[in-house]
Amino acid sequence: MPDAYQPLYRWRRTQIDENDPPSDDDWSGYDEEVCIGRIQKQAHGPMKGKWHWAGGGPRTRKRLLPHTGYLAEGREAMRAVEEYYHGLMRLNGLKGSKQP
């Protein structure tokens, strides 16, 4: 089996506030201070067990679609967010700190 994807950016468990304990099923990615996206493992419904990814980035004039999706593995969802971020930055003539 191939090695798991190694994220380029800093990922940490999402915590909205002090009343929201972080979990292993909800992560946010950061390029320095910019939130590049979030992944969440779905606990219920037709996508149960899949990872929902949502790409983000700085405020830009142009946006990319699709900016969300579902994948079977958390590391692949991280990759999708990072690839979305790189595409968003290229589209707007910008570059992320770890962008190839």
N, C-alpha and C. Protein backbone atom coordinates (compact mmCIF):
# COMPACT_ATOMS: atom_id res chain seq x y z
N MET A 1 0.85 -1.19 0.00
CA MET A 1 0.00 0.00 0.00
C MET A 1 0.89 1.24 0.00
N PRO A 2 0.59 2.23 -0.85
CA PRO A 2 1.42 3.44 -0.90
C PRO A 2 1.38 4.22 0.42
N ASP A 3 2.42 5.00 0.62
CA ASP A 3 2.48 5.83 1.83
C ASP A 3 1.36 6.87 1.80
N ALA A 4 0.89 7.22 2.99
CA ALA A 4 -0.17 8.24 3.11
C ALA A 4 0.39 9.60 2.70
N TYR A 5 -0.46 10.43 2.15
CA TYR A 5 -0.08 11.79 1.76
C TYR A 5 0.47 12.55 2.97
N GLN A 6 1.57 13.25 2.76
CA GLN A 6 2.16 14.08 3.80
C GLN A 6 1.80 15.55 3.53
N PRO A 7 0.94 16.12 4.36
CA PRO A 7 0.49 17.50 4.13
C PRO A 7 1.64 18.50 4.09
N LEU A 8 1.46 19.53 3.27
CA LEU A 8 2.46 20.59 3.14
C LEU A 8 2.29 21.67 4.20
N TYR A 9 1.05 21.85 4.65
CA TYR A 9 0.74 22.95 5.55
C TYR A 9 0.44 22.43 6.96
N ARG A 10 0.25 23.35 7.87
CA ARG A 10 -0.03 23.01 9.28
C ARG A 10 -1.52 22.69 9.42
N TRP A 11 -1.81 21.53 9.99
CA TRP A 11 -3.19 21.10 10.25
C TRP A 11 -3.36 20.92 11.74
N ARG A 12 -4.47 21.40 12.26
CA ARG A 12 -4.76 21.21 13.68
C ARG A 12 -6.25 20.92 13.87
N ARG A 13 -6.54 20.25 14.96
CA ARG A 13 -7.94 19.93 15.26
C ARG A 13 -8.71 21.24 15.42
N THR A 14 -9.88 21.29 14.80
CA THR A 14 -10.71 22.49 14.85
C THR A 14 -11.33 22.64 16.23
N GLN A 15 -11.25 23.84 16.79
CA GLN A 15 -11.91 24.16 18.04
C GLN A 15 -12.53 25.54 17.88
N ILE A 16 -13.86 25.58 17.85
CA ILE A 16 -14.59 26.83 17.63
C ILE A 16 -14.45 27.76 18.83
N ASP A 17 -14.63 27.22 20.03
CA ASP A 17 -14.46 27.99 21.26
C ASP A 17 -14.13 27.03 22.40
N GLU A 18 -14.01 27.56 23.63
CA GLU A 18 -13.61 26.73 24.78
C GLU A 18 -14.66 25.69 25.15
N ASN A 19 -15.88 25.82 24.68
CA ASN A 19 -16.94 24.84 24.95
C ASN A 19 -16.99 23.74 23.89
N ASP A 20 -16.13 23.82 22.91
CA ASP A 20 -16.12 22.87 21.80
C ASP A 20 -14.82 22.07 21.84
N PRO A 21 -14.85 20.87 22.43
CA PRO A 21 -13.61 20.09 22.50
C PRO A 21 -13.17 19.62 21.11
N PRO A 22 -11.88 19.76 20.79
CA PRO A 22 -11.41 19.31 19.48
C PRO A 22 -11.52 17.79 19.35
N SER A 23 -11.70 17.30 18.12
CA SER A 23 -11.78 15.86 17.90
C SER A 23 -10.89 15.47 16.72
N ASP A 24 -10.64 14.18 16.58
CA ASP A 24 -9.84 13.68 15.46
C ASP A 24 -10.62 13.65 14.15
N ASP A 25 -11.89 14.03 14.19
CA ASP A 25 -12.74 14.00 13.00
C ASP A 25 -13.00 15.38 12.40
N ASP A 26 -12.25 16.40 12.84
CA ASP A 26 -12.47 17.77 12.37
C ASP A 26 -11.15 18.52 12.42
N TRP A 27 -10.61 18.85 11.25
CA TRP A 27 -9.30 19.49 11.15
C TRP A 27 -9.37 20.74 10.28
N SER A 28 -8.55 21.74 10.63
CA SER A 28 -8.42 22.96 9.84
C SER A 28 -6.96 23.11 9.42
N GLY A 29 -6.74 23.54 8.16
CA GLY A 29 -5.40 23.72 7.64
C GLY A 29 -5.04 25.19 7.54
N TYR A 30 -3.76 25.48 7.77
CA TYR A 30 -3.29 26.87 7.78
C TYR A 30 -1.98 27.03 7.01
N ASP A 31 -1.91 28.11 6.24
CA ASP A 31 -0.67 28.59 5.65
C ASP A 31 -0.34 29.85 6.44
N GLU A 32 0.53 29.68 7.39
CA GLU A 32 0.83 30.72 8.37
C GLU A 32 -0.46 31.11 9.06
N GLU A 33 -1.00 32.31 8.86
CA GLU A 33 -2.23 32.72 9.54
C GLU A 33 -3.48 32.56 8.69
N VAL A 34 -3.32 32.18 7.43
CA VAL A 34 -4.46 32.04 6.51
C VAL A 34 -5.05 30.64 6.62
N CYS A 35 -6.35 30.57 6.88
CA CYS A 35 -7.03 29.28 6.90
C CYS A 35 -7.25 28.84 5.46
N ILE A 36 -6.66 27.70 5.09
CA ILE A 36 -6.76 27.22 3.71
C ILE A 36 -7.91 26.25 3.52
N GLY A 37 -8.53 25.80 4.61
CA GLY A 37 -9.66 24.90 4.47
C GLY A 37 -9.87 24.03 5.70
N ARG A 38 -10.84 23.15 5.56
CA ARG A 38 -11.25 22.31 6.69
C ARG A 38 -11.70 20.95 6.17
N ILE A 39 -11.45 19.91 6.96
CA ILE A 39 -11.96 18.58 6.64
C ILE A 39 -12.72 18.06 7.86
N GLN A 40 -13.79 17.32 7.60
CA GLN A 40 -14.61 16.76 8.67
C GLN A 40 -15.08 15.36 8.27
N LYS A 41 -14.91 14.40 9.16
CA LYS A 41 -15.42 13.06 8.93
C LYS A 41 -16.91 13.05 9.24
N GLN A 42 -17.70 12.58 8.29
CA GLN A 42 -19.16 12.58 8.44
C GLN A 42 -19.60 11.43 9.33
N ALA A 43 -20.37 11.74 10.35
CA ALA A 43 -20.80 10.74 11.33
C ALA A 43 -22.16 10.12 10.99
N HIS A 44 -22.92 10.77 10.13
CA HIS A 44 -24.29 10.32 9.85
C HIS A 44 -24.62 10.52 8.38
N GLY A 45 -25.74 9.98 7.98
CA GLY A 45 -26.28 10.23 6.65
C GLY A 45 -25.64 9.39 5.56
N PRO A 46 -25.97 9.72 4.31
CA PRO A 46 -25.49 8.91 3.18
C PRO A 46 -23.97 8.97 2.98
N MET A 47 -23.31 9.97 3.52
CA MET A 47 -21.85 10.10 3.39
C MET A 47 -21.12 9.65 4.66
N LYS A 48 -21.79 8.94 5.52
CA LYS A 48 -21.20 8.48 6.78
C LYS A 48 -19.86 7.79 6.50
N GLY A 49 -18.86 8.18 7.27
CA GLY A 49 -17.53 7.60 7.14
C GLY A 49 -16.65 8.29 6.12
N LYS A 50 -17.20 9.13 5.26
CA LYS A 50 -16.42 9.88 4.27
C LYS A 50 -15.94 11.19 4.89
N TRP A 51 -14.91 11.74 4.32
CA TRP A 51 -14.36 13.01 4.76
C TRP A 51 -14.84 14.13 3.84
N HIS A 52 -15.50 15.12 4.41
CA HIS A 52 -15.93 16.30 3.66
C HIS A 52 -14.78 17.30 3.69
N TRP A 53 -14.38 17.79 2.53
CA TRP A 53 -13.35 18.82 2.48
C TRP A 53 -13.95 20.11 1.92
N ALA A 54 -13.46 21.22 2.43
CA ALA A 54 -13.90 22.53 1.97
C ALA A 54 -12.66 23.42 1.86
N GLY A 55 -12.38 23.87 0.64
CA GLY A 55 -11.22 24.71 0.40
C GLY A 55 -11.48 26.15 0.77
N GLY A 56 -10.43 26.83 1.17
CA GLY A 56 -10.52 28.23 1.54
C GLY A 56 -9.28 28.97 1.08
N GLY A 57 -8.99 30.06 1.75
CA GLY A 57 -7.82 30.86 1.40
C GLY A 57 -8.09 32.31 1.73
N PRO A 58 -7.20 33.19 1.30
CA PRO A 58 -7.40 34.62 1.57
C PRO A 58 -8.53 35.17 0.70
N ARG A 59 -8.94 36.36 1.00
CA ARG A 59 -9.94 37.03 0.14
C ARG A 59 -9.29 37.27 -1.21
N THR A 60 -9.96 36.79 -2.23
CA THR A 60 -9.46 36.97 -3.59
C THR A 60 -10.60 37.41 -4.49
N ARG A 61 -10.24 37.99 -5.60
CA ARG A 61 -11.24 38.45 -6.56
C ARG A 61 -11.89 37.27 -7.28
N LYS A 62 -11.08 36.27 -7.63
CA LYS A 62 -11.57 35.11 -8.37
C LYS A 62 -11.60 33.89 -7.45
N ARG A 63 -12.65 33.07 -7.59
CA ARG A 63 -12.78 31.83 -6.80
C ARG A 63 -12.81 30.64 -7.74
N LEU A 64 -12.49 29.47 -7.21
CA LEU A 64 -12.52 28.23 -7.98
C LEU A 64 -13.70 27.37 -7.58
N LEU A 65 -14.18 26.57 -8.51
CA LEU A 65 -15.20 25.56 -8.22
C LEU A 65 -14.73 24.25 -8.82
N PRO A 66 -15.00 23.14 -8.21
CA PRO A 66 -15.68 23.01 -6.92
C PRO A 66 -14.74 23.34 -5.78
N HIS A 67 -15.30 23.81 -4.69
CA HIS A 67 -14.49 24.14 -3.52
C HIS A 67 -14.79 23.19 -2.35
N THR A 68 -15.62 22.17 -2.60
CA THR A 68 -15.92 21.16 -1.58
C THR A 68 -16.06 19.80 -2.25
N GLY A 69 -16.01 18.76 -1.43
CA GLY A 69 -16.20 17.41 -1.94
C GLY A 69 -16.09 16.40 -0.82
N TYR A 70 -16.14 15.14 -1.18
CA TYR A 70 -16.04 14.03 -0.22
C TYR A 70 -15.01 13.04 -0.71
N LEU A 71 -14.22 12.53 0.22
CA LEU A 71 -13.21 11.52 -0.09
C LEU A 71 -13.19 10.47 1.02
N ALA A 72 -12.66 9.30 0.69
CA ALA A 72 -12.67 8.18 1.63
C ALA A 72 -11.66 8.32 2.77
N GLU A 73 -10.55 9.01 2.53
CA GLU A 73 -9.48 9.11 3.52
C GLU A 73 -9.22 10.56 3.93
N GLY A 74 -8.91 10.75 5.20
CA GLY A 74 -8.62 12.09 5.72
C GLY A 74 -7.44 12.75 5.05
N ARG A 75 -6.37 11.97 4.84
CA ARG A 75 -5.17 12.55 4.20
C ARG A 75 -5.47 12.98 2.76
N GLU A 76 -6.32 12.24 2.07
CA GLU A 76 -6.69 12.63 0.71
C GLU A 76 -7.55 13.89 0.73
N ALA A 77 -8.37 14.05 1.76
CA ALA A 77 -9.15 15.28 1.90
C ALA A 77 -8.21 16.47 2.16
N MET A 78 -7.15 16.26 2.96
CA MET A 78 -6.15 17.31 3.18
C MET A 78 -5.50 17.68 1.85
N ARG A 79 -5.16 16.67 1.06
CA ARG A 79 -4.55 16.93 -0.25
C ARG A 79 -5.50 17.76 -1.12
N ALA A 80 -6.78 17.42 -1.12
CA ALA A 80 -7.76 18.16 -1.93
C ALA A 80 -7.81 19.63 -1.51
N VAL A 81 -7.79 19.89 -0.21
CA VAL A 81 -7.79 21.28 0.29
C VAL A 81 -6.53 21.99 -0.17
N GLU A 82 -5.38 21.35 -0.02
CA GLU A 82 -4.12 21.99 -0.39
C GLU A 82 -4.04 22.24 -1.89
N GLU A 83 -4.52 21.31 -2.70
CA GLU A 83 -4.53 21.51 -4.14
C GLU A 83 -5.50 22.62 -4.53
N TYR A 84 -6.65 22.68 -3.86
CA TYR A 84 -7.59 23.78 -4.12
C TYR A 84 -6.91 25.12 -3.81
N TYR A 85 -6.26 25.19 -2.67
CA TYR A 85 -5.58 26.42 -2.24
C TYR A 85 -4.53 26.84 -3.28
N HIS A 86 -3.71 25.90 -3.74
CA HIS A 86 -2.70 26.23 -4.74
C HIS A 86 -3.34 26.74 -6.02
N GLY A 87 -4.42 26.09 -6.46
CA GLY A 87 -5.12 26.55 -7.66
C GLY A 87 -5.72 27.94 -7.49
N LEU A 88 -6.31 28.19 -6.33
CA LEU A 88 -6.88 29.50 -6.02
C LEU A 88 -5.81 30.58 -6.06
N MET A 89 -4.68 30.29 -5.47
CA MET A 89 -3.61 31.28 -5.43
C MET A 89 -3.07 31.54 -6.84
N ARG A 90 -2.86 30.47 -7.62
CA ARG A 90 -2.39 30.65 -9.02
C ARG A 90 -3.37 31.48 -9.83
N LEU A 91 -4.65 31.18 -9.70
CA LEU A 91 -5.69 31.90 -10.45
C LEU A 91 -5.65 33.41 -10.17
N ASN A 92 -5.25 33.76 -8.97
CA ASN A 92 -5.22 35.17 -8.56
C ASN A 92 -3.82 35.78 -8.59
N GLY A 93 -2.87 35.06 -9.20
CA GLY A 93 -1.50 35.59 -9.32
C GLY A 93 -0.77 35.66 -8.00
N LEU A 94 -1.14 34.81 -7.05
CA LEU A 94 -0.51 34.79 -5.73
C LEU A 94 0.20 33.46 -5.53
N LYS A 95 0.94 33.35 -4.45
CA LYS A 95 1.64 32.10 -4.16
C LYS A 95 1.59 31.83 -2.66
N GLY A 96 1.24 30.60 -2.30
CA GLY A 96 1.26 30.17 -0.90
C GLY A 96 2.70 29.95 -0.45
N SER A 97 2.91 29.88 0.85
CA SER A 97 4.27 29.76 1.38
C SER A 97 4.94 28.44 1.01
N LYS A 98 4.19 27.39 0.73
CA LYS A 98 4.78 26.10 0.39
C LYS A 98 4.34 25.63 -0.99
N GLN A 99 3.86 26.54 -1.80
CA GLN A 99 3.35 26.18 -3.12
C GLN A 99 4.49 25.81 -4.05
N PRO A 100 4.35 24.66 -4.73
CA PRO A 100 5.41 24.25 -5.67
C PRO A 100 5.50 25.18 -6.86
